[in-house]
Amino acid sequence: MGLVKISEQMHANIRSASAALSRSINAQAEHWMRIGMLAELHPTLDYSQICQMLIRAEHAGGTVLSAQTCDISDITEHARVASR
């Protein structure tokens, strides 16, 4: 485990969100970092698609960054069909 320095305002935002969503402050910060990281790695996916990716990876018992646990093409194809 490491320490990450963040602004007081960001800490206040994390604290508020963690209380509202019944997460620890650390869990909320990790959640936001994971979502942000995946959004940068997969800029064509929206928030709900990223959440689907995380759920599929969790069910597969692996990490979402592993190509073996989550096929991005399935999600993007689903989004393409849904947008018609």
PDB file of N, CA and C in Angstrom:
ATOM      1  N   MET A   1       0.856  -1.171   0.000  1.00  0.00           N
ATOM      2  CA  MET A   1       0.000   0.000   0.000  1.00  0.00           C
ATOM      3  C   MET A   1       0.898   1.229   0.000  1.00  0.00           C
ATOM      4  N   GLY A   2       0.480   2.228  -0.726  1.00  0.00           N
ATOM      5  CA  GLY A   2       1.233   3.465  -0.781  1.00  0.00           C
ATOM      6  C   GLY A   2       0.363   4.652  -0.420  1.00  0.00           C
ATOM      7  N   LEU A   3       1.001   5.766  -0.251  1.00  0.00           N
ATOM      8  CA  LEU A   3       0.286   7.004   0.045  1.00  0.00           C
ATOM      9  C   LEU A   3       0.214   7.857  -1.206  1.00  0.00           C
ATOM     10  N   VAL A   4      -0.909   8.510  -1.385  1.00  0.00           N
ATOM     11  CA  VAL A   4      -1.106   9.428  -2.502  1.00  0.00           C
ATOM     12  C   VAL A   4      -1.555  10.752  -1.913  1.00  0.00           C
ATOM     13  N   LYS A   5      -0.857  11.811  -2.266  1.00  0.00           N
ATOM     14  CA  LYS A   5      -1.241  13.134  -1.772  1.00  0.00           C
ATOM     15  C   LYS A   5      -2.272  13.733  -2.714  1.00  0.00           C
ATOM     16  N   ILE A   6      -3.368  14.189  -2.141  1.00  0.00           N
ATOM     17  CA  ILE A   6      -4.427  14.835  -2.914  1.00  0.00           C
ATOM     18  C   ILE A   6      -4.794  16.140  -2.218  1.00  0.00           C
ATOM     19  N   SER A   7      -5.490  16.983  -2.942  1.00  0.00           N
ATOM     20  CA  SER A   7      -5.893  18.270  -2.376  1.00  0.00           C
ATOM     21  C   SER A   7      -6.960  18.074  -1.299  1.00  0.00           C
ATOM     22  N   GLU A   8      -7.093  19.065  -0.458  1.00  0.00           N
ATOM     23  CA  GLU A   8      -8.128  19.031   0.580  1.00  0.00           C
ATOM     24  C   GLU A   8      -9.520  18.958  -0.044  1.00  0.00           C
ATOM     25  N   GLN A   9      -9.718  19.685  -1.147  1.00  0.00           N
ATOM     26  CA  GLN A   9     -11.021  19.675  -1.819  1.00  0.00           C
ATOM     27  C   GLN A   9     -11.347  18.284  -2.356  1.00  0.00           C
ATOM     28  N   MET A  10     -10.364  17.621  -2.978  1.00  0.00           N
ATOM     29  CA  MET A  10     -10.599  16.271  -3.490  1.00  0.00           C
ATOM     30  C   MET A  10     -10.887  15.314  -2.332  1.00  0.00           C
ATOM     31  N   HIS A  11     -10.179  15.465  -1.240  1.00  0.00           N
ATOM     32  CA  HIS A  11     -10.425  14.612  -0.075  1.00  0.00           C
ATOM     33  C   HIS A  11     -11.845  14.821   0.456  1.00  0.00           C
ATOM     34  N   ALA A  12     -12.286  16.068   0.484  1.00  0.00           N
ATOM     35  CA  ALA A  12     -13.656  16.357   0.927  1.00  0.00           C
ATOM     36  C   ALA A  12     -14.672  15.723  -0.021  1.00  0.00           C
ATOM     37  N   ASN A  13     -14.408  15.778  -1.327  1.00  0.00           N
ATOM     38  CA  ASN A  13     -15.302  15.153  -2.310  1.00  0.00           C
ATOM     39  C   ASN A  13     -15.349  13.640  -2.120  1.00  0.00           C
ATOM     40  N   ILE A  14     -14.189  13.042  -1.905  1.00  0.00           N
ATOM     41  CA  ILE A  14     -14.132  11.593  -1.682  1.00  0.00           C
ATOM     42  C   ILE A  14     -14.873  11.227  -0.402  1.00  0.00           C
ATOM     43  N   ARG A  15     -14.678  12.005   0.637  1.00  0.00           N
ATOM     44  CA  ARG A  15     -15.351  11.746   1.917  1.00  0.00           C
ATOM     45  C   ARG A  15     -16.870  11.806   1.741  1.00  0.00           C
ATOM     46  N   SER A  16     -17.364  12.811   1.043  1.00  0.00           N
ATOM     47  CA  SER A  16     -18.817  12.942   0.822  1.00  0.00           C
ATOM     48  C   SER A  16     -19.359  11.778   0.007  1.00  0.00           C
ATOM     49  N   ALA A  17     -18.672  11.454  -1.087  1.00  0.00           N
ATOM     50  CA  ALA A  17     -19.126  10.350  -1.938  1.00  0.00           C
ATOM     51  C   ALA A  17     -19.067   9.023  -1.193  1.00  0.00           C
ATOM     52  N   SER A  18     -18.027   8.819  -0.400  1.00  0.00           N
ATOM     53  CA  SER A  18     -17.905   7.553   0.327  1.00  0.00           C
ATOM     54  C   SER A  18     -19.042   7.384   1.333  1.00  0.00           C
ATOM     55  N   ALA A  19     -19.435   8.457   1.982  1.00  0.00           N
ATOM     56  CA  ALA A  19     -20.550   8.384   2.927  1.00  0.00           C
ATOM     57  C   ALA A  19     -21.858   8.102   2.195  1.00  0.00           C
ATOM     58  N   ALA A  20     -22.070   8.770   1.085  1.00  0.00           N
ATOM     59  CA  ALA A  20     -23.313   8.598   0.327  1.00  0.00           C
ATOM     60  C   ALA A  20     -23.428   7.203  -0.276  1.00  0.00           C
ATOM     61  N   LEU A  21     -22.293   6.613  -0.651  1.00  0.00           N
ATOM     62  CA  LEU A  21     -22.304   5.324  -1.341  1.00  0.00           C
ATOM     63  C   LEU A  21     -21.896   4.157  -0.446  1.00  0.00           C
ATOM     64  N   SER A  22     -21.818   4.407   0.855  1.00  0.00           N
ATOM     65  CA  SER A  22     -21.487   3.367   1.841  1.00  0.00           C
ATOM     66  C   SER A  22     -20.174   2.653   1.529  1.00  0.00           C
ATOM     67  N   ARG A  23     -19.172   3.441   1.175  1.00  0.00           N
ATOM     68  CA  ARG A  23     -17.833   2.909   0.944  1.00  0.00           C
ATOM     69  C   ARG A  23     -16.882   3.587   1.916  1.00  0.00           C
ATOM     70  N   SER A  24     -15.764   2.929   2.177  1.00  0.00           N
ATOM     71  CA  SER A  24     -14.724   3.603   2.950  1.00  0.00           C
ATOM     72  C   SER A  24     -14.121   4.694   2.064  1.00  0.00           C
ATOM     73  N   ILE A  25     -13.433   5.628   2.678  1.00  0.00           N
ATOM     74  CA  ILE A  25     -12.786   6.689   1.898  1.00  0.00           C
ATOM     75  C   ILE A  25     -11.784   6.075   0.931  1.00  0.00           C
ATOM     76  N   ASN A  26     -11.008   5.098   1.399  1.00  0.00           N
ATOM     77  CA  ASN A  26     -10.034   4.452   0.517  1.00  0.00           C
ATOM     78  C   ASN A  26     -10.712   3.712  -0.630  1.00  0.00           C
ATOM     79  N   ALA A  27     -11.809   3.009  -0.337  1.00  0.00           N
ATOM     80  CA  ALA A  27     -12.522   2.277  -1.388  1.00  0.00           C
ATOM     81  C   ALA A  27     -13.106   3.235  -2.424  1.00  0.00           C
ATOM     82  N   GLN A  28     -13.614   4.373  -1.980  1.00  0.00           N
ATOM     83  CA  GLN A  28     -14.166   5.355  -2.917  1.00  0.00           C
ATOM     84  C   GLN A  28     -13.068   5.924  -3.807  1.00  0.00           C
ATOM     85  N   ALA A  29     -11.933   6.273  -3.211  1.00  0.00           N
ATOM     86  CA  ALA A  29     -10.817   6.806  -3.996  1.00  0.00           C
ATOM     87  C   ALA A  29     -10.331   5.770  -5.002  1.00  0.00           C
ATOM     88  N   GLU A  30     -10.222   4.514  -4.576  1.00  0.00           N
ATOM     89  CA  GLU A  30      -9.782   3.457  -5.484  1.00  0.00           C
ATOM     90  C   GLU A  30     -10.784   3.256  -6.614  1.00  0.00           C
ATOM     91  N   HIS A  31     -12.066   3.316  -6.298  1.00  0.00           N
ATOM     92  CA  HIS A  31     -13.106   3.176  -7.320  1.00  0.00           C
ATOM     93  C   HIS A  31     -12.967   4.270  -8.370  1.00  0.00           C
ATOM     94  N   TRP A  32     -12.842   5.521  -7.927  1.00  0.00           N
ATOM     95  CA  TRP A  32     -12.705   6.627  -8.872  1.00  0.00           C
ATOM     96  C   TRP A  32     -11.430   6.501  -9.698  1.00  0.00           C
ATOM     97  N   MET A  33     -10.344   6.050  -9.078  1.00  0.00           N
ATOM     98  CA  MET A  33      -9.095   5.878  -9.827  1.00  0.00           C
ATOM     99  C   MET A  33      -9.230   4.773 -10.866  1.00  0.00           C
ATOM    100  N   ARG A  34      -9.888   3.681 -10.498  1.00  0.00           N
ATOM    101  CA  ARG A  34     -10.078   2.578 -11.438  1.00  0.00           C
ATOM    102  C   ARG A  34     -10.934   3.029 -12.621  1.00  0.00           C
ATOM    103  N   ILE A  35     -12.030   3.728 -12.349  1.00  0.00           N
ATOM    104  CA  ILE A  35     -12.898   4.220 -13.424  1.00  0.00           C
ATOM    105  C   ILE A  35     -12.129   5.181 -14.327  1.00  0.00           C
ATOM    106  N   GLY A  36     -11.399   6.097 -13.738  1.00  0.00           N
ATOM    107  CA  GLY A  36     -10.621   7.059 -14.521  1.00  0.00           C
ATOM    108  C   GLY A  36      -9.554   6.393 -15.363  1.00  0.00           C
ATOM    109  N   MET A  37      -8.861   5.413 -14.794  1.00  0.00           N
ATOM    110  CA  MET A  37      -7.832   4.696 -15.532  1.00  0.00           C
ATOM    111  C   MET A  37      -8.439   3.976 -16.731  1.00  0.00           C
ATOM    112  N   LEU A  38      -9.565   3.294 -16.514  1.00  0.00           N
ATOM    113  CA  LEU A  38     -10.203   2.572 -17.607  1.00  0.00           C
ATOM    114  C   LEU A  38     -10.759   3.525 -18.660  1.00  0.00           C
ATOM    115  N   ALA A  39     -11.250   4.679 -18.239  1.00  0.00           N
ATOM    116  CA  ALA A  39     -11.744   5.674 -19.201  1.00  0.00           C
ATOM    117  C   ALA A  39     -10.606   6.169 -20.085  1.00  0.00           C
ATOM    118  N   GLU A  40      -9.423   6.344 -19.516  1.00  0.00           N
ATOM    119  CA  GLU A  40      -8.276   6.763 -20.324  1.00  0.00           C
ATOM    120  C   GLU A  40      -7.801   5.649 -21.246  1.00  0.00           C
ATOM    121  N   LEU A  41      -7.831   4.408 -20.769  1.00  0.00           N
ATOM    122  CA  LEU A  41      -7.388   3.282 -21.589  1.00  0.00           C
ATOM    123  C   LEU A  41      -8.375   2.933 -22.696  1.00  0.00           C
ATOM    124  N   HIS A  42      -9.655   3.222 -22.464  1.00  0.00           N
ATOM    125  CA  HIS A  42     -10.722   2.874 -23.415  1.00  0.00           C
ATOM    126  C   HIS A  42     -11.618   4.094 -23.635  1.00  0.00           C
ATOM    127  N   PRO A  43     -11.123   5.109 -24.331  1.00  0.00           N
ATOM    128  CA  PRO A  43     -11.867   6.373 -24.453  1.00  0.00           C
ATOM    129  C   PRO A  43     -13.186   6.269 -25.205  1.00  0.00           C
ATOM    130  N   THR A  44     -13.424   5.190 -25.912  1.00  0.00           N
ATOM    131  CA  THR A  44     -14.685   5.053 -26.641  1.00  0.00           C
ATOM    132  C   THR A  44     -15.811   4.494 -25.774  1.00  0.00           C
ATOM    133  N   LEU A  45     -15.486   4.013 -24.576  1.00  0.00           N
ATOM    134  CA  LEU A  45     -16.510   3.444 -23.695  1.00  0.00           C
ATOM    135  C   LEU A  45     -17.106   4.512 -22.795  1.00  0.00           C
ATOM    136  N   ASP A  46     -18.404   4.407 -22.537  1.00  0.00           N
ATOM    137  CA  ASP A  46     -19.026   5.323 -21.582  1.00  0.00           C
ATOM    138  C   ASP A  46     -19.004   4.682 -20.187  1.00  0.00           C
ATOM    139  N   TYR A  47     -19.506   5.410 -19.215  1.00  0.00           N
ATOM    140  CA  TYR A  47     -19.440   4.954 -17.822  1.00  0.00           C
ATOM    141  C   TYR A  47     -20.125   3.601 -17.629  1.00  0.00           C
ATOM    142  N   SER A  48     -21.301   3.417 -18.196  1.00  0.00           N
ATOM    143  CA  SER A  48     -22.014   2.151 -17.990  1.00  0.00           C
ATOM    144  C   SER A  48     -21.266   0.985 -18.633  1.00  0.00           C
ATOM    145  N   GLN A  49     -20.599   1.224 -19.746  1.00  0.00           N
ATOM    146  CA  GLN A  49     -19.811   0.168 -20.382  1.00  0.00           C
ATOM    147  C   GLN A  49     -18.590  -0.186 -19.534  1.00  0.00           C
ATOM    148  N   ILE A  50     -17.981   0.813 -18.932  1.00  0.00           N
ATOM    149  CA  ILE A  50     -16.850   0.555 -18.042  1.00  0.00           C
ATOM    150  C   ILE A  50     -17.317  -0.252 -16.834  1.00  0.00           C
ATOM    151  N   CYS A  51     -18.478   0.075 -16.295  1.00  0.00           N
ATOM    152  CA  CYS A  51     -19.029  -0.695 -15.174  1.00  0.00           C
ATOM    153  C   CYS A  51     -19.303  -2.138 -15.589  1.00  0.00           C
ATOM    154  N   GLN A  52     -19.835  -2.330 -16.790  1.00  0.00           N
ATOM    155  CA  GLN A  52     -20.060  -3.684 -17.299  1.00  0.00           C
ATOM    156  C   GLN A  52     -18.741  -4.444 -17.389  1.00  0.00           C
ATOM    157  N   MET A  53     -17.696  -3.763 -17.846  1.00  0.00           N
ATOM    158  CA  MET A  53     -16.380  -4.366 -17.953  1.00  0.00           C
ATOM    159  C   MET A  53     -15.882  -4.812 -16.573  1.00  0.00           C
ATOM    160  N   LEU A  54     -16.051  -3.963 -15.574  1.00  0.00           N
ATOM    161  CA  LEU A  54     -15.618  -4.298 -14.219  1.00  0.00           C
ATOM    162  C   LEU A  54     -16.399  -5.490 -13.663  1.00  0.00           C
ATOM    163  N   ILE A  55     -17.694  -5.527 -13.909  1.00  0.00           N
ATOM    164  CA  ILE A  55     -18.525  -6.632 -13.425  1.00  0.00           C
ATOM    165  C   ILE A  55     -18.121  -7.938 -14.095  1.00  0.00           C
ATOM    166  N   ARG A  56     -17.916  -7.907 -15.407  1.00  0.00           N
ATOM    167  CA  ARG A  56     -17.489  -9.118 -16.120  1.00  0.00           C
ATOM    168  C   ARG A  56     -16.140  -9.602 -15.620  1.00  0.00           C
ATOM    169  N   ALA A  57     -15.226  -8.686 -15.405  1.00  0.00           N
ATOM    170  CA  ALA A  57     -13.904  -9.066 -14.901  1.00  0.00           C
ATOM    171  C   ALA A  57     -14.017  -9.679 -13.510  1.00  0.00           C
ATOM    172  N   GLU A  58     -14.865  -9.115 -12.675  1.00  0.00           N
ATOM    173  CA  GLU A  58     -15.066  -9.652 -11.324  1.00  0.00           C
ATOM    174  C   GLU A  58     -15.631 -11.062 -11.393  1.00  0.00           C
ATOM    175  N   HIS A  59     -16.596 -11.289 -12.260  1.00  0.00           N
ATOM    176  CA  HIS A  59     -17.179 -12.626 -12.414  1.00  0.00           C
ATOM    177  C   HIS A  59     -16.162 -13.618 -12.942  1.00  0.00           C
ATOM    178  N   ALA A  60     -15.242 -13.142 -13.775  1.00  0.00           N
ATOM    179  CA  ALA A  60     -14.211 -14.009 -14.338  1.00  0.00           C
ATOM    180  C   ALA A  60     -13.092 -14.277 -13.331  1.00  0.00           C
ATOM    181  N   GLY A  61     -13.107 -13.549 -12.225  1.00  0.00           N
ATOM    182  CA  GLY A  61     -12.117 -13.763 -11.184  1.00  0.00           C
ATOM    183  C   GLY A  61     -10.754 -13.181 -11.486  1.00  0.00           C
ATOM    184  N   GLY A  62     -10.711 -12.210 -12.378  1.00  0.00           N
ATOM    185  CA  GLY A  62      -9.423 -11.637 -12.748  1.00  0.00           C
ATOM    186  C   GLY A  62      -9.449 -10.138 -12.765  1.00  0.00           C
ATOM    187  N   THR A  63      -8.402  -9.596 -13.311  1.00  0.00           N
ATOM    188  CA  THR A  63      -8.272  -8.156 -13.419  1.00  0.00           C
ATOM    189  C   THR A  63      -8.856  -7.672 -14.730  1.00  0.00           C
ATOM    190  N   VAL A  64      -9.438  -6.523 -14.720  1.00  0.00           N
ATOM    191  CA  VAL A  64     -10.060  -5.960 -15.913  1.00  0.00           C
ATOM    192  C   VAL A  64      -9.020  -5.584 -16.966  1.00  0.00           C
ATOM    193  N   LEU A  65      -7.777  -5.437 -16.582  1.00  0.00           N
ATOM    194  CA  LEU A  65      -6.740  -5.063 -17.537  1.00  0.00           C
ATOM    195  C   LEU A  65      -6.226  -6.254 -18.324  1.00  0.00           C
ATOM    196  N   SER A  66      -6.626  -7.451 -17.937  1.00  0.00           N
ATOM    197  CA  SER A  66      -6.204  -8.643 -18.653  1.00  0.00           C
ATOM    198  C   SER A  66      -7.135  -8.899 -19.828  1.00  0.00           C
ATOM    199  N   ALA A  67      -6.564  -9.063 -21.000  1.00  0.00           N
ATOM    200  CA  ALA A  67      -7.372  -9.314 -22.200  1.00  0.00           C
ATOM    201  C   ALA A  67      -8.127 -10.629 -22.085  1.00  0.00           C
ATOM    202  N   GLN A  68      -7.668 -11.537 -21.227  1.00  0.00           N
ATOM    203  CA  GLN A  68      -8.310 -12.837 -21.085  1.00  0.00           C
ATOM    204  C   GLN A  68      -9.613 -12.766 -20.305  1.00  0.00           C
ATOM    205  N   THR A  69      -9.802 -11.748 -19.492  1.00  0.00           N
ATOM    206  CA  THR A  69     -10.979 -11.720 -18.622  1.00  0.00           C
ATOM    207  C   THR A  69     -12.135 -10.916 -19.178  1.00  0.00           C
ATOM    208  N   CYS A  70     -11.874 -10.051 -20.110  1.00  0.00           N
ATOM    209  CA  CYS A  70     -12.943  -9.200 -20.609  1.00  0.00           C
ATOM    210  C   CYS A  70     -12.666  -8.836 -22.052  1.00  0.00           C
ATOM    211  N   ASP A  71     -13.551  -9.190 -22.922  1.00  0.00           N
ATOM    212  CA  ASP A  71     -13.374  -8.877 -24.333  1.00  0.00           C
ATOM    213  C   ASP A  71     -14.020  -7.528 -24.617  1.00  0.00           C
ATOM    214  N   ILE A  72     -13.198  -6.531 -24.851  1.00  0.00           N
ATOM    215  CA  ILE A  72     -13.674  -5.175 -25.109  1.00  0.00           C
ATOM    216  C   ILE A  72     -14.574  -5.146 -26.334  1.00  0.00           C
ATOM    217  N   SER A  73     -14.304  -5.982 -27.322  1.00  0.00           N
ATOM    218  CA  SER A  73     -15.114  -5.966 -28.542  1.00  0.00           C
ATOM    219  C   SER A  73     -16.564  -6.335 -28.250  1.00  0.00           C
ATOM    220  N   ASP A  74     -16.811  -7.206 -27.261  1.00  0.00           N
ATOM    221  CA  ASP A  74     -18.186  -7.544 -26.887  1.00  0.00           C
ATOM    222  C   ASP A  74     -18.935  -6.313 -26.398  1.00  0.00           C
ATOM    223  N   ILE A  75     -18.278  -5.518 -25.573  1.00  0.00           N
ATOM    224  CA  ILE A  75     -18.914  -4.330 -25.012  1.00  0.00           C
ATOM    225  C   ILE A  75     -19.135  -3.286 -26.090  1.00  0.00           C
ATOM    226  N   THR A  76     -18.127  -3.052 -26.921  1.00  0.00           N
ATOM    227  CA  THR A  76     -18.269  -2.030 -27.950  1.00  0.00           C
ATOM    228  C   THR A  76     -19.283  -2.455 -29.006  1.00  0.00           C
ATOM    229  N   GLU A  77     -19.356  -3.736 -29.317  1.00  0.00           N
ATOM    230  CA  GLU A  77     -20.365  -4.222 -30.263  1.00  0.00           C
ATOM    231  C   GLU A  77     -21.758  -4.053 -29.676  1.00  0.00           C
ATOM    232  N   HIS A  78     -21.924  -4.371 -28.397  1.00  0.00           N
ATOM    233  CA  HIS A  78     -23.216  -4.190 -27.730  1.00  0.00           C
ATOM    234  C   HIS A  78     -23.633  -2.722 -27.771  1.00  0.00           C
ATOM    235  N   ALA A  79     -22.695  -1.831 -27.530  1.00  0.00           N
ATOM    236  CA  ALA A  79     -22.996  -0.396 -27.545  1.00  0.00           C
ATOM    237  C   ALA A  79     -23.371   0.061 -28.950  1.00  0.00           C
ATOM    238  N   ARG A  80     -22.687  -0.467 -29.950  1.00  0.00           N
ATOM    239  CA  ARG A  80     -22.975  -0.085 -31.330  1.00  0.00           C
ATOM    240  C   ARG A  80     -24.391  -0.516 -31.714  1.00  0.00           C
ATOM    241  N   VAL A  81     -24.757  -1.733 -31.360  1.00  0.00           N
ATOM    242  CA  VAL A  81     -26.091  -2.246 -31.675  1.00  0.00           C
ATOM    243  C   VAL A  81     -27.153  -1.466 -30.901  1.00  0.00           C
ATOM    244  N   ALA A  82     -26.889  -1.172 -29.649  1.00  0.00           N
ATOM    245  CA  ALA A  82     -27.857  -0.457 -28.810  1.00  0.00           C
ATOM    246  C   ALA A  82     -28.092   0.969 -29.282  1.00  0.00           C
ATOM    247  N   SER A  83     -27.114   1.556 -29.951  1.00  0.00           N
ATOM    248  CA  SER A  83     -27.255   2.953 -30.373  1.00  0.00           C
ATOM    249  C   SER A  83     -28.021   3.098 -31.683  1.00  0.00           C
ATOM    250  N   ARG A  84     -28.380   2.007 -32.295  1.00  0.00           N
ATOM    251  CA  ARG A  84     -29.121   2.077 -33.570  1.00  0.00           C
ATOM    252  C   ARG A  84     -30.533   2.534 -33.384  1.00  0.00           C
TER     253      ARG A  84
END
